[in-house]
Amino acid sequence: VQLQASGGGLVQAGGSLRLSCAASGRTSSNYDMGWFRQAPGKEREFVAAIRWTGGSTSYADSVKGRFTISRDNAKNTVHLQMNNLKPEDTAVYYCAARAGRLALSYLRLASQYDYWGQGTQVTVSS
């Protein structure tokens, strides 16, 4: 499975961006998907995750209420709508996928994912 993230860019604080992650290759809708981010000098951190059914989602406390994860299984695509962006949201954002079923809480762990995209830069200016 190959993942291609897109949609990053430069935006002012309070603005919005929509990230997309397109899956190709041996794709299946039975993949749980997640978004992670990594700022310079910091470790990669969990942002949001969605179960393969799309019915269950999980968010980091820092983005809850501002970010929304969704998926379109027919198009093998996952989106991350980011609203009210803050300078501290500046990071490279990565999408990730894992096959099989796992408790939602485990989807917060980067080690649980099998496939990773290349990352897309999000920069929020103050």
Protein backbone atom coordinates (compact mmCIF):
# COMPACT_ATOMS: atom_id res chain seq x y z
CA VAL A 1 0.00 0.00 0.00
CA GLN A 2 1.32 3.43 -0.94
CA LEU A 3 0.05 6.56 0.75
CA GLN A 4 0.26 10.03 -0.78
CA ALA A 5 -0.45 13.00 1.46
CA SER A 6 -1.32 16.40 0.04
CA GLY A 7 -2.97 19.68 0.92
CA GLY A 8 -0.37 21.26 3.15
CA GLY A 9 0.69 24.85 2.85
CA LEU A 10 1.15 28.20 4.55
CA VAL A 11 -1.82 29.72 6.32
CA GLN A 12 -2.38 32.47 8.86
CA ALA A 13 -3.51 31.70 12.37
CA GLY A 14 -7.25 31.15 12.44
CA GLY A 15 -7.28 29.82 8.91
CA SER A 16 -8.12 26.39 7.56
CA LEU A 17 -6.52 23.65 5.51
CA ARG A 18 -7.74 20.29 4.30
CA LEU A 19 -5.25 17.49 4.06
CA SER A 20 -5.88 14.44 1.92
CA CYS A 21 -4.26 11.02 1.91
CA ALA A 22 -4.76 8.84 -1.14
CA ALA A 23 -4.04 5.12 -0.91
CA SER A 24 -2.93 3.06 -3.88
CA GLY A 25 -1.56 -0.38 -4.53
CA ARG A 26 -3.03 -3.26 -2.61
CA THR A 27 -5.78 -1.10 -1.24
CA SER A 28 -8.68 -2.21 0.80
CA SER A 29 -11.27 -0.34 2.74
CA ASN A 30 -10.40 -2.51 5.74
CA TYR A 31 -7.59 -0.24 6.86
CA ASP A 32 -7.70 1.92 9.95
CA MET A 33 -6.14 5.29 9.16
CA GLY A 34 -4.35 7.90 11.19
CA TRP A 35 -2.73 11.30 10.96
CA PHE A 36 0.41 12.16 12.86
CA ARG A 37 2.59 15.26 12.87
CA GLN A 38 6.17 16.09 13.67
CA ALA A 39 7.47 19.56 14.41
CA PRO A 40 11.19 20.42 14.21
CA GLY A 41 13.06 19.03 17.19
CA LYS A 42 10.03 17.16 18.49
CA GLU A 43 8.84 13.59 18.35
CA ARG A 44 6.09 12.47 16.05
CA GLU A 45 2.73 12.84 17.75
CA PHE A 46 -0.74 11.52 17.19
CA VAL A 47 -3.33 13.86 15.66
CA ALA A 48 -6.39 11.84 14.66
CA ALA A 49 -7.49 8.36 13.64
CA ILE A 50 -10.50 6.74 12.04
CA ARG A 51 -11.63 3.15 11.98
CA TRP A 52 -12.03 1.44 8.64
CA THR A 53 -15.81 1.60 9.00
CA GLY A 54 -15.60 5.35 9.45
CA GLY A 55 -17.87 5.11 12.43
CA SER A 56 -15.28 5.68 15.15
CA THR A 57 -12.75 8.46 15.42
CA SER A 58 -10.16 9.59 17.91
CA TYR A 59 -8.43 12.94 18.33
CA ALA A 60 -5.55 14.36 20.29
CA ASP A 61 -6.75 16.77 22.94
CA SER A 62 -4.80 19.58 21.29
CA VAL A 63 -6.88 19.39 18.09
CA LYS A 64 -10.24 18.22 19.39
CA GLY A 65 -13.00 20.55 18.23
CA ARG A 66 -10.82 22.08 15.51
CA PHE A 67 -9.84 19.11 13.34
CA THR A 68 -12.10 16.54 11.70
CA ILE A 69 -10.99 13.27 10.17
CA SER A 70 -13.13 11.56 7.55
CA ARG A 71 -12.76 8.94 4.88
CA ASP A 72 -14.16 8.01 1.50
CA ASN A 73 -13.61 4.27 1.08
CA ALA A 74 -14.88 4.32 -2.50
CA LYS A 75 -11.98 6.64 -3.36
CA ASN A 76 -9.47 5.14 -0.91
CA THR A 77 -8.97 8.59 0.55
CA VAL A 78 -8.81 10.03 4.05
CA HIS A 79 -9.16 13.71 4.82
CA LEU A 80 -8.16 15.90 7.72
CA GLN A 81 -10.08 19.16 7.88
CA MET A 82 -8.16 21.60 10.04
CA ASN A 83 -9.92 24.73 11.22
CA ASN A 84 -8.87 27.56 13.51
CA LEU A 85 -5.24 26.70 12.97
CA LYS A 86 -2.67 27.86 15.47
CA PRO A 87 1.08 28.44 15.11
CA GLU A 88 1.68 25.39 17.30
CA ASP A 89 0.01 23.26 14.61
CA THR A 90 3.03 23.89 12.37
CA ALA A 91 4.57 20.53 11.51
CA VAL A 92 4.98 17.92 8.83
CA TYR A 93 1.79 15.89 8.75
CA TYR A 94 1.90 12.19 7.94
CA CYS A 95 -0.90 9.81 7.14
CA ALA A 96 -0.63 6.17 8.12
CA ALA A 97 -2.57 2.96 7.61
CA ARG A 98 -2.84 -0.37 9.32
CA ALA A 99 -4.60 -3.53 8.31
CA GLY A 100 -6.84 -5.48 10.60
CA ARG A 101 -8.80 -4.49 13.60
CA LEU A 102 -7.48 -2.82 16.70
CA ALA A 103 -8.99 -1.08 19.66
CA LEU A 104 -9.42 2.60 18.92
CA SER A 105 -7.09 3.61 21.73
CA TYR A 106 -4.19 1.74 20.11
CA LEU A 107 -4.57 3.83 16.96
CA ARG A 108 -2.89 6.65 18.86
CA LEU A 109 0.38 4.75 18.72
CA ALA A 110 2.60 5.28 15.68
CA SER A 111 4.15 1.84 16.22
CA GLN A 112 0.82 0.19 15.38
CA TYR A 113 0.78 1.38 11.77
CA ASP A 114 2.10 -0.62 8.83
CA TYR A 115 2.26 2.01 6.09
CA TRP A 116 3.23 5.67 6.04
CA GLY A 117 2.93 8.49 3.56
CA GLN A 118 5.73 10.92 2.76
CA GLY A 119 4.35 13.85 4.75
CA THR A 120 3.05 17.27 3.86
CA GLN A 121 4.22 20.53 5.44
CA VAL A 122 1.75 22.72 7.30
CA THR A 123 2.96 26.13 8.39
CA VAL A 124 0.77 28.46 10.43
CA SER A 125 1.94 32.03 10.78
CA SER A 126 0.98 34.23 13.71
